[in-house]
Amino acid sequence: MLIRFMKEDFTVCQIGDLQQVDLDKPYCFLAKTAHELSLVCRSEDVPEKVLRREDDWQAFYIEGSLDFALTGILAGIADVLTKKGISLLALSTYDTDYILVKKEKMAQALQTLAEAGYTIMSDK
């Protein structure tokens, strides 16, 4: 399975409203519950006013479009990483899964995945 590493830095933040979120930016993951509104985006695209933020994340994604009938892909990646003590944050889109890992652990995460048989590539 091909894993593609993204060179951008990402931030996870809690926001008060959507007014400042620029949906034209290339990466923008939103989650809304009865209790909060969260945004994951490139660090350079974080809105000026946020309630809380957690910086220093990097990401990789599973190359290609994943069929909804496929099972265990994300669980397999999580299993490999958690056995090495690497925490992750998973985000899913219609086509694929994105996995965020703290920047200081990303090299270890990619090496661990490569050793487990995953093919690692970098974005251009």
PDB file of N, CA and C in Angstrom:
ATOM      1  N   MET A   1       0.846  -1.178   0.000  1.00  0.00           N
ATOM      2  CA  MET A   1       0.000   0.000   0.000  1.00  0.00           C
ATOM      3  C   MET A   1       0.889   1.237   0.000  1.00  0.00           C
ATOM      4  N   LEU A   2       0.509   2.218  -0.790  1.00  0.00           N
ATOM      5  CA  LEU A   2       1.306   3.439  -0.943  1.00  0.00           C
ATOM      6  C   LEU A   2       0.846   4.513   0.030  1.00  0.00           C
ATOM      7  N   ILE A   3       1.793   5.006   0.810  1.00  0.00           N
ATOM      8  CA  ILE A   3       1.584   6.109   1.749  1.00  0.00           C
ATOM      9  C   ILE A   3       2.310   7.322   1.182  1.00  0.00           C
ATOM     10  N   ARG A   4       1.610   8.459   1.108  1.00  0.00           N
ATOM     11  CA  ARG A   4       2.241   9.666   0.576  1.00  0.00           C
ATOM     12  C   ARG A   4       2.391  10.697   1.697  1.00  0.00           C
ATOM     13  N   PHE A   5       3.647  11.024   2.013  1.00  0.00           N
ATOM     14  CA  PHE A   5       3.979  12.009   3.047  1.00  0.00           C
ATOM     15  C   PHE A   5       3.776  13.416   2.496  1.00  0.00           C
ATOM     16  N   MET A   6       3.163  14.270   3.303  1.00  0.00           N
ATOM     17  CA  MET A   6       2.922  15.662   2.930  1.00  0.00           C
ATOM     18  C   MET A   6       3.933  16.540   3.666  1.00  0.00           C
ATOM     19  N   LYS A   7       4.546  17.461   2.969  1.00  0.00           N
ATOM     20  CA  LYS A   7       5.614  18.276   3.563  1.00  0.00           C
ATOM     21  C   LYS A   7       5.104  19.449   4.397  1.00  0.00           C
ATOM     22  N   GLU A   8       3.835  19.769   4.284  1.00  0.00           N
ATOM     23  CA  GLU A   8       3.283  20.905   5.015  1.00  0.00           C
ATOM     24  C   GLU A   8       3.193  20.618   6.515  1.00  0.00           C
ATOM     25  N   ASP A   9       3.243  21.685   7.313  1.00  0.00           N
ATOM     26  CA  ASP A   9       2.954  21.586   8.741  1.00  0.00           C
ATOM     27  C   ASP A   9       1.469  21.857   8.932  1.00  0.00           C
ATOM     28  N   PHE A  10       0.862  21.135   9.871  1.00  0.00           N
ATOM     29  CA  PHE A  10      -0.564  21.281  10.128  1.00  0.00           C
ATOM     30  C   PHE A  10      -0.813  21.692  11.572  1.00  0.00           C
ATOM     31  N   THR A  11      -1.984  22.291  11.784  1.00  0.00           N
ATOM     32  CA  THR A  11      -2.429  22.712  13.106  1.00  0.00           C
ATOM     33  C   THR A  11      -3.845  22.203  13.323  1.00  0.00           C
ATOM     34  N   VAL A  12      -4.115  21.749  14.539  1.00  0.00           N
ATOM     35  CA  VAL A  12      -5.458  21.364  14.954  1.00  0.00           C
ATOM     36  C   VAL A  12      -5.943  22.481  15.861  1.00  0.00           C
ATOM     37  N   CYS A  13      -7.092  23.059  15.549  1.00  0.00           N
ATOM     38  CA  CYS A  13      -7.562  24.165  16.383  1.00  0.00           C
ATOM     39  C   CYS A  13      -9.064  24.108  16.615  1.00  0.00           C
ATOM     40  N   GLN A  14      -9.454  24.775  17.674  1.00  0.00           N
ATOM     41  CA  GLN A  14     -10.858  24.929  18.009  1.00  0.00           C
ATOM     42  C   GLN A  14     -11.221  26.370  17.682  1.00  0.00           C
ATOM     43  N   ILE A  15     -12.299  26.531  16.938  1.00  0.00           N
ATOM     44  CA  ILE A  15     -12.698  27.870  16.505  1.00  0.00           C
ATOM     45  C   ILE A  15     -14.099  28.190  17.009  1.00  0.00           C
ATOM     46  N   GLY A  16     -14.412  29.484  17.056  1.00  0.00           N
ATOM     47  CA  GLY A  16     -15.714  29.918  17.532  1.00  0.00           C
ATOM     48  C   GLY A  16     -16.781  29.914  16.455  1.00  0.00           C
ATOM     49  N   ASP A  17     -16.361  30.198  15.224  1.00  0.00           N
ATOM     50  CA  ASP A  17     -17.305  30.204  14.107  1.00  0.00           C
ATOM     51  C   ASP A  17     -16.542  30.005  12.797  1.00  0.00           C
ATOM     52  N   LEU A  18     -17.283  29.884  11.731  1.00  0.00           N
ATOM     53  CA  LEU A  18     -16.680  29.605  10.422  1.00  0.00           C
ATOM     54  C   LEU A  18     -16.301  30.856   9.638  1.00  0.00           C
ATOM     55  N   GLN A  19     -16.586  32.030  10.168  1.00  0.00           N
ATOM     56  CA  GLN A  19     -16.379  33.283   9.439  1.00  0.00           C
ATOM     57  C   GLN A  19     -14.956  33.453   8.917  1.00  0.00           C
ATOM     58  N   GLN A  20     -13.962  33.052   9.709  1.00  0.00           N
ATOM     59  CA  GLN A  20     -12.565  33.277   9.331  1.00  0.00           C
ATOM     60  C   GLN A  20     -11.951  32.130   8.532  1.00  0.00           C
ATOM     61  N   VAL A  21     -12.666  31.031   8.383  1.00  0.00           N
ATOM     62  CA  VAL A  21     -12.110  29.864   7.699  1.00  0.00           C
ATOM     63  C   VAL A  21     -12.161  30.089   6.194  1.00  0.00           C
ATOM     64  N   ASP A  22     -11.016  30.005   5.559  1.00  0.00           N
ATOM     65  CA  ASP A  22     -10.926  30.176   4.111  1.00  0.00           C
ATOM     66  C   ASP A  22     -11.028  28.803   3.449  1.00  0.00           C
ATOM     67  N   LEU A  23     -12.203  28.484   2.954  1.00  0.00           N
ATOM     68  CA  LEU A  23     -12.441  27.179   2.347  1.00  0.00           C
ATOM     69  C   LEU A  23     -11.768  27.019   0.992  1.00  0.00           C
ATOM     70  N   ASP A  24     -11.158  28.074   0.490  1.00  0.00           N
ATOM     71  CA  ASP A  24     -10.424  27.982  -0.773  1.00  0.00           C
ATOM     72  C   ASP A  24      -8.996  27.473  -0.580  1.00  0.00           C
ATOM     73  N   LYS A  25      -8.554  27.366   0.654  1.00  0.00           N
ATOM     74  CA  LYS A  25      -7.211  26.845   0.922  1.00  0.00           C
ATOM     75  C   LYS A  25      -7.186  25.355   0.583  1.00  0.00           C
ATOM     76  N   PRO A  26      -6.002  24.813   0.263  1.00  0.00           N
ATOM     77  CA  PRO A  26      -5.948  23.434  -0.231  1.00  0.00           C
ATOM     78  C   PRO A  26      -6.329  22.346   0.777  1.00  0.00           C
ATOM     79  N   TYR A  27      -6.100  22.564   2.062  1.00  0.00           N
ATOM     80  CA  TYR A  27      -6.449  21.550   3.058  1.00  0.00           C
ATOM     81  C   TYR A  27      -7.233  22.196   4.181  1.00  0.00           C
ATOM     82  N   CYS A  28      -8.446  21.718   4.380  1.00  0.00           N
ATOM     83  CA  CYS A  28      -9.325  22.283   5.395  1.00  0.00           C
ATOM     84  C   CYS A  28     -10.277  21.177   5.856  1.00  0.00           C
ATOM     85  N   PHE A  29     -10.041  20.659   7.043  1.00  0.00           N
ATOM     86  CA  PHE A  29     -10.884  19.611   7.601  1.00  0.00           C
ATOM     87  C   PHE A  29     -11.687  20.224   8.742  1.00  0.00           C
ATOM     88  N   LEU A  30     -13.002  20.152   8.660  1.00  0.00           N
ATOM     89  CA  LEU A  30     -13.876  20.725   9.675  1.00  0.00           C
ATOM     90  C   LEU A  30     -14.677  19.633  10.366  1.00  0.00           C
ATOM     91  N   ALA A  31     -14.895  19.811  11.664  1.00  0.00           N
ATOM     92  CA  ALA A  31     -15.760  18.914  12.424  1.00  0.00           C
ATOM     93  C   ALA A  31     -16.595  19.762  13.372  1.00  0.00           C
ATOM     94  N   LYS A  32     -17.901  19.512  13.359  1.00  0.00           N
ATOM     95  CA  LYS A  32     -18.805  20.270  14.219  1.00  0.00           C
ATOM     96  C   LYS A  32     -19.624  19.282  15.037  1.00  0.00           C
ATOM     97  N   THR A  33     -19.663  19.525  16.348  1.00  0.00           N
ATOM     98  CA  THR A  33     -20.502  18.736  17.243  1.00  0.00           C
ATOM     99  C   THR A  33     -21.368  19.711  18.033  1.00  0.00           C
ATOM    100  N   ALA A  34     -22.161  19.183  18.932  1.00  0.00           N
ATOM    101  CA  ALA A  34     -22.977  20.039  19.789  1.00  0.00           C
ATOM    102  C   ALA A  34     -22.114  20.852  20.748  1.00  0.00           C
ATOM    103  N   HIS A  35     -20.843  20.457  20.904  1.00  0.00           N
ATOM    104  CA  HIS A  35     -19.980  21.086  21.898  1.00  0.00           C
ATOM    105  C   HIS A  35     -18.830  21.905  21.335  1.00  0.00           C
ATOM    106  N   GLU A  36     -18.477  21.684  20.070  1.00  0.00           N
ATOM    107  CA  GLU A  36     -17.324  22.413  19.547  1.00  0.00           C
ATOM    108  C   GLU A  36     -17.303  22.433  18.023  1.00  0.00           C
ATOM    109  N   LEU A  37     -16.457  23.303  17.523  1.00  0.00           N
ATOM    110  CA  LEU A  37     -16.181  23.418  16.096  1.00  0.00           C
ATOM    111  C   LEU A  37     -14.668  23.341  15.949  1.00  0.00           C
ATOM    112  N   SER A  38     -14.188  22.315  15.258  1.00  0.00           N
ATOM    113  CA  SER A  38     -12.746  22.102  15.116  1.00  0.00           C
ATOM    114  C   SER A  38     -12.324  22.237  13.666  1.00  0.00           C
ATOM    115  N   LEU A  39     -11.086  22.669  13.496  1.00  0.00           N
ATOM    116  CA  LEU A  39     -10.498  22.859  12.176  1.00  0.00           C
ATOM    117  C   LEU A  39      -9.100  22.262  12.176  1.00  0.00           C
ATOM    118  N   VAL A  40      -8.789  21.512  11.141  1.00  0.00           N
ATOM    119  CA  VAL A  40      -7.423  21.056  10.892  1.00  0.00           C
ATOM    120  C   VAL A  40      -7.034  21.633   9.542  1.00  0.00           C
ATOM    121  N   CYS A  41      -5.933  22.379   9.521  1.00  0.00           N
ATOM    122  CA  CYS A  41      -5.493  23.022   8.282  1.00  0.00           C
ATOM    123  C   CYS A  41      -3.976  23.203   8.322  1.00  0.00           C
ATOM    124  N   ARG A  42      -3.423  23.643   7.200  1.00  0.00           N
ATOM    125  CA  ARG A  42      -1.996  23.961   7.197  1.00  0.00           C
ATOM    126  C   ARG A  42      -1.755  25.052   8.236  1.00  0.00           C
ATOM    127  N   SER A  43      -0.633  24.995   8.896  1.00  0.00           N
ATOM    128  CA  SER A  43      -0.332  25.975   9.945  1.00  0.00           C
ATOM    129  C   SER A  43      -0.351  27.401   9.414  1.00  0.00           C
ATOM    130  N   GLU A  44       0.077  27.586   8.188  1.00  0.00           N
ATOM    131  CA  GLU A  44       0.080  28.928   7.593  1.00  0.00           C
ATOM    132  C   GLU A  44      -1.327  29.454   7.310  1.00  0.00           C
ATOM    133  N   ASP A  45      -2.332  28.589   7.360  1.00  0.00           N
ATOM    134  CA  ASP A  45      -3.704  28.987   7.047  1.00  0.00           C
ATOM    135  C   ASP A  45      -4.610  29.084   8.270  1.00  0.00           C
ATOM    136  N   VAL A  46      -4.052  28.966   9.470  1.00  0.00           N
ATOM    137  CA  VAL A  46      -4.863  29.036  10.688  1.00  0.00           C
ATOM    138  C   VAL A  46      -5.485  30.425  10.788  1.00  0.00           C
ATOM    139  N   PRO A  47      -6.789  30.506  11.077  1.00  0.00           N
ATOM    140  CA  PRO A  47      -7.427  31.809  11.245  1.00  0.00           C
ATOM    141  C   PRO A  47      -6.763  32.614  12.360  1.00  0.00           C
ATOM    142  N   GLU A  48      -6.906  33.913  12.270  1.00  0.00           N
ATOM    143  CA  GLU A  48      -6.266  34.809  13.238  1.00  0.00           C
ATOM    144  C   GLU A  48      -6.769  34.575  14.659  1.00  0.00           C
ATOM    145  N   LYS A  49      -8.069  34.376  14.805  1.00  0.00           N
ATOM    146  CA  LYS A  49      -8.653  34.197  16.138  1.00  0.00           C
ATOM    147  C   LYS A  49      -9.143  32.761  16.292  1.00  0.00           C
ATOM    148  N   VAL A  50      -8.469  32.012  17.160  1.00  0.00           N
ATOM    149  CA  VAL A  50      -8.901  30.655  17.488  1.00  0.00           C
ATOM    150  C   VAL A  50      -9.037  30.551  19.001  1.00  0.00           C
ATOM    151  N   LEU A  51      -9.857  29.624  19.453  1.00  0.00           N
ATOM    152  CA  LEU A  51     -10.035  29.437  20.890  1.00  0.00           C
ATOM    153  C   LEU A  51      -8.857  28.671  21.494  1.00  0.00           C
ATOM    154  N   ARG A  52      -8.434  27.623  20.793  1.00  0.00           N
ATOM    155  CA  ARG A  52      -7.275  26.822  21.210  1.00  0.00           C
ATOM    156  C   ARG A  52      -6.611  26.270  19.962  1.00  0.00           C
ATOM    157  N   ARG A  53      -5.324  25.947  20.082  1.00  0.00           N
ATOM    158  CA  ARG A  53      -4.616  25.368  18.938  1.00  0.00           C
ATOM    159  C   ARG A  53      -3.503  24.443  19.397  1.00  0.00           C
ATOM    160  N   GLU A  54      -3.231  23.469  18.570  1.00  0.00           N
ATOM    161  CA  GLU A  54      -2.145  22.512  18.792  1.00  0.00           C
ATOM    162  C   GLU A  54      -1.354  22.451  17.492  1.00  0.00           C
ATOM    163  N   ASP A  55      -0.142  22.985  17.528  1.00  0.00           N
ATOM    164  CA  ASP A  55       0.709  23.055  16.340  1.00  0.00           C
ATOM    165  C   ASP A  55       1.625  21.834  16.238  1.00  0.00           C
ATOM    166  N   ASP A  56       2.446  21.847  15.201  1.00  0.00           N
ATOM    167  CA  ASP A  56       3.518  20.862  15.002  1.00  0.00           C
ATOM    168  C   ASP A  56       3.025  19.465  14.634  1.00  0.00           C
ATOM    169  N   TRP A  57       2.037  19.404  13.761  1.00  0.00           N
ATOM    170  CA  TRP A  57       1.589  18.144  13.194  1.00  0.00           C
ATOM    171  C   TRP A  57       2.074  18.055  11.752  1.00  0.00           C
ATOM    172  N   GLN A  58       2.339  16.847  11.301  1.00  0.00           N
ATOM    173  CA  GLN A  58       2.581  16.584   9.887  1.00  0.00           C
ATOM    174  C   GLN A  58       1.642  15.464   9.472  1.00  0.00           C
ATOM    175  N   ALA A  59       1.499  15.267   8.162  1.00  0.00           N
ATOM    176  CA  ALA A  59       0.485  14.324   7.693  1.00  0.00           C
ATOM    177  C   ALA A  59       1.000  13.434   6.570  1.00  0.00           C
ATOM    178  N   PHE A  60       0.327  12.317   6.424  1.00  0.00           N
ATOM    179  CA  PHE A  60       0.472  11.470   5.243  1.00  0.00           C
ATOM    180  C   PHE A  60      -0.907  10.919   4.920  1.00  0.00           C
ATOM    181  N   TYR A  61      -1.065  10.450   3.704  1.00  0.00           N
ATOM    182  CA  TYR A  61      -2.348   9.881   3.314  1.00  0.00           C
ATOM    183  C   TYR A  61      -2.135   8.613   2.512  1.00  0.00           C
ATOM    184  N   ILE A  62      -3.190   7.845   2.418  1.00  0.00           N
ATOM    185  CA  ILE A  62      -3.162   6.610   1.645  1.00  0.00           C
ATOM    186  C   ILE A  62      -3.458   6.986   0.196  1.00  0.00           C
ATOM    187  N   GLU A  63      -2.525   6.681  -0.678  1.00  0.00           N
ATOM    188  CA  GLU A  63      -2.648   7.042  -2.090  1.00  0.00           C
ATOM    189  C   GLU A  63      -3.801   6.268  -2.730  1.00  0.00           C
ATOM    190  N   GLY A  64      -4.577   6.976  -3.541  1.00  0.00           N
ATOM    191  CA  GLY A  64      -5.666   6.339  -4.283  1.00  0.00           C
ATOM    192  C   GLY A  64      -6.995   6.484  -3.575  1.00  0.00           C
ATOM    193  N   SER A  65      -8.017   6.063  -4.262  1.00  0.00           N
ATOM    194  CA  SER A  65      -9.375   6.126  -3.742  1.00  0.00           C
ATOM    195  C   SER A  65      -9.715   4.800  -3.069  1.00  0.00           C
ATOM    196  N   LEU A  66     -10.143   4.870  -1.832  1.00  0.00           N
ATOM    197  CA  LEU A  66     -10.460   3.667  -1.064  1.00  0.00           C
ATOM    198  C   LEU A  66     -11.951   3.363  -1.154  1.00  0.00           C
ATOM    199  N   ASP A  67     -12.272   2.154  -1.489  1.00  0.00           N
ATOM    200  CA  ASP A  67     -13.660   1.710  -1.542  1.00  0.00           C
ATOM    201  C   ASP A  67     -14.192   1.599  -0.116  1.00  0.00           C
ATOM    202  N   PHE A  68     -15.439   1.989   0.081  1.00  0.00           N
ATOM    203  CA  PHE A  68     -16.026   1.934   1.419  1.00  0.00           C
ATOM    204  C   PHE A  68     -16.131   0.505   1.948  1.00  0.00           C
ATOM    205  N   ALA A  69     -16.113  -0.485   1.080  1.00  0.00           N
ATOM    206  CA  ALA A  69     -16.209  -1.883   1.501  1.00  0.00           C
ATOM    207  C   ALA A  69     -14.893  -2.412   2.072  1.00  0.00           C
ATOM    208  N   LEU A  70     -13.795  -1.696   1.835  1.00  0.00           N
ATOM    209  CA  LEU A  70     -12.503  -2.132   2.366  1.00  0.00           C
ATOM    210  C   LEU A  70     -12.491  -1.992   3.883  1.00  0.00           C
ATOM    211  N   THR A  71     -11.922  -2.968   4.551  1.00  0.00           N
ATOM    212  CA  THR A  71     -11.868  -2.915   6.012  1.00  0.00           C
ATOM    213  C   THR A  71     -10.430  -3.068   6.504  1.00  0.00           C
ATOM    214  N   GLY A  72     -10.162  -2.467   7.633  1.00  0.00           N
ATOM    215  CA  GLY A  72      -8.903  -2.685   8.322  1.00  0.00           C
ATOM    216  C   GLY A  72      -7.715  -1.867   7.870  1.00  0.00           C
ATOM    217  N   ILE A  73      -7.874  -1.009   6.879  1.00  0.00           N
ATOM    218  CA  ILE A  73      -6.725  -0.253   6.372  1.00  0.00           C
ATOM    219  C   ILE A  73      -6.218   0.719   7.431  1.00  0.00           C
ATOM    220  N   LEU A  74      -7.100   1.555   7.930  1.00  0.00           N
ATOM    221  CA  LEU A  74      -6.709   2.519   8.958  1.00  0.00           C
ATOM    222  C   LEU A  74      -6.299   1.802  10.247  1.00  0.00           C
ATOM    223  N   ALA A  75      -7.017   0.750  10.585  1.00  0.00           N
ATOM    224  CA  ALA A  75      -6.683  -0.014  11.792  1.00  0.00           C
ATOM    225  C   ALA A  75      -5.288  -0.620  11.687  1.00  0.00           C
ATOM    226  N   GLY A  76      -4.916  -1.092  10.505  1.00  0.00           N
ATOM    227  CA  GLY A  76      -3.585  -1.665  10.305  1.00  0.00           C
ATOM    228  C   GLY A  76      -2.489  -0.641  10.515  1.00  0.00           C
ATOM    229  N   ILE A  77      -2.690   0.556   9.975  1.00  0.00           N
ATOM    230  CA  ILE A  77      -1.710   1.631  10.145  1.00  0.00           C
ATOM    231  C   ILE A  77      -1.624   2.031  11.615  1.00  0.00           C
ATOM    232  N   ALA A  78      -2.784   2.194  12.240  1.00  0.00           N
ATOM    233  CA  ALA A  78      -2.811   2.574  13.656  1.00  0.00           C
ATOM    234  C   ALA A  78      -2.127   1.515  14.516  1.00  0.00           C
ATOM    235  N   ASP A  79      -2.345   0.253  14.213  1.00  0.00           N
ATOM    236  CA  ASP A  79      -1.733  -0.830  14.978  1.00  0.00           C
ATOM    237  C   ASP A  79      -0.209  -0.778  14.892  1.00  0.00           C
ATOM    238  N   VAL A  80       0.305  -0.600  13.680  1.00  0.00           N
ATOM    239  CA  VAL A  80       1.759  -0.531  13.479  1.00  0.00           C
ATOM    240  C   VAL A  80       2.357   0.631  14.274  1.00  0.00           C
ATOM    241  N   LEU A  81       1.706   1.798  14.212  1.00  0.00           N
ATOM    242  CA  LEU A  81       2.243   2.986  14.877  1.00  0.00           C
ATOM    243  C   LEU A  81       2.103   2.920  16.393  1.00  0.00           C
ATOM    244  N   THR A  82       0.950   2.491  16.875  1.00  0.00           N
ATOM    245  CA  THR A  82       0.755   2.478  18.326  1.00  0.00           C
ATOM    246  C   THR A  82       1.659   1.463  19.014  1.00  0.00           C
ATOM    247  N   LYS A  83       2.028   0.402  18.325  1.00  0.00           N
ATOM    248  CA  LYS A  83       2.971  -0.564  18.908  1.00  0.00           C
ATOM    249  C   LYS A  83       4.338   0.067  19.150  1.00  0.00           C
ATOM    250  N   LYS A  84       4.636   1.151  18.441  1.00  0.00           N
ATOM    251  CA  LYS A  84       5.894   1.883  18.636  1.00  0.00           C
ATOM    252  C   LYS A  84       5.693   3.128  19.502  1.00  0.00           C
ATOM    253  N   GLY A  85       4.493   3.275  20.088  1.00  0.00           N
ATOM    254  CA  GLY A  85       4.218   4.411  20.953  1.00  0.00           C
ATOM    255  C   GLY A  85       4.000   5.717  20.212  1.00  0.00           C
ATOM    256  N   ILE A  86       3.575   5.637  18.960  1.00  0.00           N
ATOM    257  CA  ILE A  86       3.358   6.835  18.143  1.00  0.00           C
ATOM    258  C   ILE A  86       1.866   7.131  18.095  1.00  0.00           C
ATOM    259  N   SER A  87       1.468   8.279  18.648  1.00  0.00           N
ATOM    260  CA  SER A  87       0.072   8.706  18.618  1.00  0.00           C
ATOM    261  C   SER A  87      -0.274   9.245  17.241  1.00  0.00           C
ATOM    262  N   LEU A  88      -1.551   9.159  16.891  1.00  0.00           N
ATOM    263  CA  LEU A  88      -1.981   9.680  15.597  1.00  0.00           C
ATOM    264  C   LEU A  88      -3.361  10.298  15.697  1.00  0.00           C
ATOM    265  N   LEU A  89      -3.660  11.110  14.727  1.00  0.00           N
ATOM    266  CA  LEU A  89      -4.982  11.691  14.549  1.00  0.00           C
ATOM    267  C   LEU A  89      -5.406  11.328  13.137  1.00  0.00           C
ATOM    268  N   ALA A  90      -6.519  10.628  12.998  1.00  0.00           N
ATOM    269  CA  ALA A  90      -6.980  10.185  11.683  1.00  0.00           C
ATOM    270  C   ALA A  90      -8.143  11.049  11.208  1.00  0.00           C
ATOM    271  N   LEU A  91      -8.099  11.416   9.943  1.00  0.00           N
ATOM    272  CA  LEU A  91      -9.156  12.180   9.292  1.00  0.00           C
ATOM    273  C   LEU A  91      -9.519  11.459   8.000  1.00  0.00           C
ATOM    274  N   SER A  92     -10.795  11.351   7.734  1.00  0.00           N
ATOM    275  CA  SER A  92     -11.221  10.671   6.516  1.00  0.00           C
ATOM    276  C   SER A  92     -11.971  11.618   5.599  1.00  0.00           C
ATOM    277  N   THR A  93     -11.718  11.454   4.304  1.00  0.00           N
ATOM    278  CA  THR A  93     -12.481  12.149   3.281  1.00  0.00           C
ATOM    279  C   THR A  93     -13.276  11.092   2.523  1.00  0.00           C
ATOM    280  N   TYR A  94     -13.998  11.503   1.517  1.00  0.00           N
ATOM    281  CA  TYR A  94     -14.754  10.537   0.725  1.00  0.00           C
ATOM    282  C   TYR A  94     -13.824   9.522   0.073  1.00  0.00           C
ATOM    283  N   ASP A  95     -12.667   9.972  -0.389  1.00  0.00           N
ATOM    284  CA  ASP A  95     -11.758   9.110  -1.140  1.00  0.00           C
ATOM    285  C   ASP A  95     -10.737   8.342  -0.307  1.00  0.00           C
ATOM    286  N   THR A  96     -10.214   8.960   0.754  1.00  0.00           N
ATOM    287  CA  THR A  96      -9.084   8.319   1.438  1.00  0.00           C
ATOM    288  C   THR A  96      -8.981   8.756   2.895  1.00  0.00           C
ATOM    289  N   ASP A  97      -7.960   8.277   3.559  1.00  0.00           N
ATOM    290  CA  ASP A  97      -7.697   8.622   4.955  1.00  0.00           C
ATOM    291  C   ASP A  97      -6.404   9.417   5.054  1.00  0.00           C
ATOM    292  N   TYR A  98      -6.426  10.430   5.899  1.00  0.00           N
ATOM    293  CA  TYR A  98      -5.249  11.232   6.217  1.00  0.00           C
ATOM    294  C   TYR A  98      -4.881  10.933   7.659  1.00  0.00           C
ATOM    295  N   ILE A  99      -3.603  10.775   7.918  1.00  0.00           N
ATOM    296  CA  ILE A  99      -3.129  10.484   9.263  1.00  0.00           C
ATOM    297  C   ILE A  99      -2.141  11.567   9.668  1.00  0.00           C
ATOM    298  N   LEU A 100      -2.402  12.204  10.798  1.00  0.00           N
ATOM    299  CA  LEU A 100      -1.508  13.228  11.328  1.00  0.00           C
ATOM    300  C   LEU A 100      -0.722  12.652  12.492  1.00  0.00           C
ATOM    301  N   VAL A 101       0.552  12.995  12.531  1.00  0.00           N
ATOM    302  CA  VAL A 101       1.468  12.566  13.583  1.00  0.00           C
ATOM    303  C   VAL A 101       2.254  13.806  14.006  1.00  0.00           C
ATOM    304  N   LYS A 102       2.587  13.898  15.270  1.00  0.00           N
ATOM    305  CA  LYS A 102       3.391  15.038  15.713  1.00  0.00           C
ATOM    306  C   LYS A 102       4.712  15.055  14.945  1.00  0.00           C
ATOM    307  N   LYS A 103       5.146  16.260  14.616  1.00  0.00           N
ATOM    308  CA  LYS A 103       6.322  16.463  13.761  1.00  0.00           C
ATOM    309  C   LYS A 103       7.555  15.710  14.270  1.00  0.00           C
ATOM    310  N   GLU A 104       7.775  15.724  15.578  1.00  0.00           N
ATOM    311  CA  GLU A 104       8.980  15.089  16.119  1.00  0.00           C
ATOM    312  C   GLU A 104       8.936  13.561  16.019  1.00  0.00           C
ATOM    313  N   LYS A 105       7.769  12.993  15.713  1.00  0.00           N
ATOM    314  CA  LYS A 105       7.620  11.540  15.587  1.00  0.00           C
ATOM    315  C   LYS A 105       7.436  11.080  14.137  1.00  0.00           C
ATOM    316  N   MET A 106       7.344  12.019  13.192  1.00  0.00           N
ATOM    317  CA  MET A 106       7.001  11.635  11.823  1.00  0.00           C
ATOM    318  C   MET A 106       8.065  10.757  11.170  1.00  0.00           C
ATOM    319  N   ALA A 107       9.333  11.082  11.324  1.00  0.00           N
ATOM    320  CA  ALA A 107      10.381  10.253  10.713  1.00  0.00           C
ATOM    321  C   ALA A 107      10.298   8.822  11.241  1.00  0.00           C
ATOM    322  N   GLN A 108      10.094   8.678  12.537  1.00  0.00           N
ATOM    323  CA  GLN A 108       9.952   7.350  13.134  1.00  0.00           C
ATOM    324  C   GLN A 108       8.705   6.651  12.592  1.00  0.00           C
ATOM    325  N   ALA A 109       7.609   7.393  12.445  1.00  0.00           N
ATOM    326  CA  ALA A 109       6.366   6.810  11.930  1.00  0.00           C
ATOM    327  C   ALA A 109       6.556   6.281  10.512  1.00  0.00           C
ATOM    328  N   LEU A 110       7.177   7.077   9.651  1.00  0.00           N
ATOM    329  CA  LEU A 110       7.384   6.658   8.266  1.00  0.00           C
ATOM    330  C   LEU A 110       8.331   5.464   8.186  1.00  0.00           C
ATOM    331  N   GLN A 111       9.376   5.473   8.994  1.00  0.00           N
ATOM    332  CA  GLN A 111      10.312   4.343   9.025  1.00  0.00           C
ATOM    333  C   GLN A 111       9.607   3.074   9.501  1.00  0.00           C
ATOM    334  N   THR A 112       8.790   3.212  10.528  1.00  0.00           N
ATOM    335  CA  THR A 112       8.041   2.076  11.068  1.00  0.00           C
ATOM    336  C   THR A 112       7.097   1.499  10.021  1.00  0.00           C
ATOM    337  N   LEU A 113       6.406   2.371   9.295  1.00  0.00           N
ATOM    338  CA  LEU A 113       5.498   1.903   8.246  1.00  0.00           C
ATOM    339  C   LEU A 113       6.262   1.220   7.115  1.00  0.00           C
ATOM    340  N   ALA A 114       7.405   1.788   6.742  1.00  0.00           N
ATOM    341  CA  ALA A 114       8.227   1.176   5.686  1.00  0.00           C
ATOM    342  C   ALA A 114       8.679  -0.222   6.112  1.00  0.00           C
ATOM    343  N   GLU A 115       9.099  -0.357   7.350  1.00  0.00           N
ATOM    344  CA  GLU A 115       9.525  -1.663   7.864  1.00  0.00           C
ATOM    345  C   GLU A 115       8.377  -2.664   7.900  1.00  0.00           C
ATOM    346  N   ALA A 116       7.141  -2.155   8.005  1.00  0.00           N
ATOM    347  CA  ALA A 116       5.959  -3.023   8.026  1.00  0.00           C
ATOM    348  C   ALA A 116       5.462  -3.352   6.615  1.00  0.00           C
ATOM    349  N   GLY A 117       6.165  -2.852   5.593  1.00  0.00           N
ATOM    350  CA  GLY A 117       5.811  -3.200   4.222  1.00  0.00           C
ATOM    351  C   GLY A 117       5.074  -2.143   3.428  1.00  0.00           C
ATOM    352  N   TYR A 118       4.832  -0.988   4.021  1.00  0.00           N
ATOM    353  CA  TYR A 118       4.183   0.097   3.291  1.00  0.00           C
ATOM    354  C   TYR A 118       5.221   0.801   2.419  1.00  0.00           C
ATOM    355  N   THR A 119       4.796   1.270   1.258  1.00  0.00           N
ATOM    356  CA  THR A 119       5.662   2.048   0.378  1.00  0.00           C
ATOM    357  C   THR A 119       5.453   3.516   0.706  1.00  0.00           C
ATOM    358  N   ILE A 120       6.531   4.247   0.957  1.00  0.00           N
ATOM    359  CA  ILE A 120       6.456   5.649   1.358  1.00  0.00           C
ATOM    360  C   ILE A 120       6.959   6.530   0.218  1.00  0.00           C
ATOM    361  N   MET A 121       6.166   7.530  -0.151  1.00  0.00           N
ATOM    362  CA  MET A 121       6.538   8.532  -1.153  1.00  0.00           C
ATOM    363  C   MET A 121       6.285   9.904  -0.536  1.00  0.00           C
ATOM    364  N   SER A 122       6.905  10.940  -1.112  1.00  0.00           N
ATOM    365  CA  SER A 122       6.679  12.315  -0.660  1.00  0.00           C
ATOM    366  C   SER A 122       5.940  13.097  -1.721  1.00  0.00           C
ATOM    367  N   ASP A 123       5.108  14.048  -1.261  1.00  0.00           N
ATOM    368  CA  ASP A 123       4.500  14.995  -2.195  1.00  0.00           C
ATOM    369  C   ASP A 123       5.604  15.792  -2.847  1.00  0.00           C
ATOM    370  N   LYS A 124       5.322  16.327  -4.006  1.00  0.00           N
ATOM    371  CA  LYS A 124       6.308  17.137  -4.733  1.00  0.00           C
ATOM    372  C   LYS A 124       6.531  18.455  -4.048  1.00  0.00           C
TER     373      LYS A 124
END
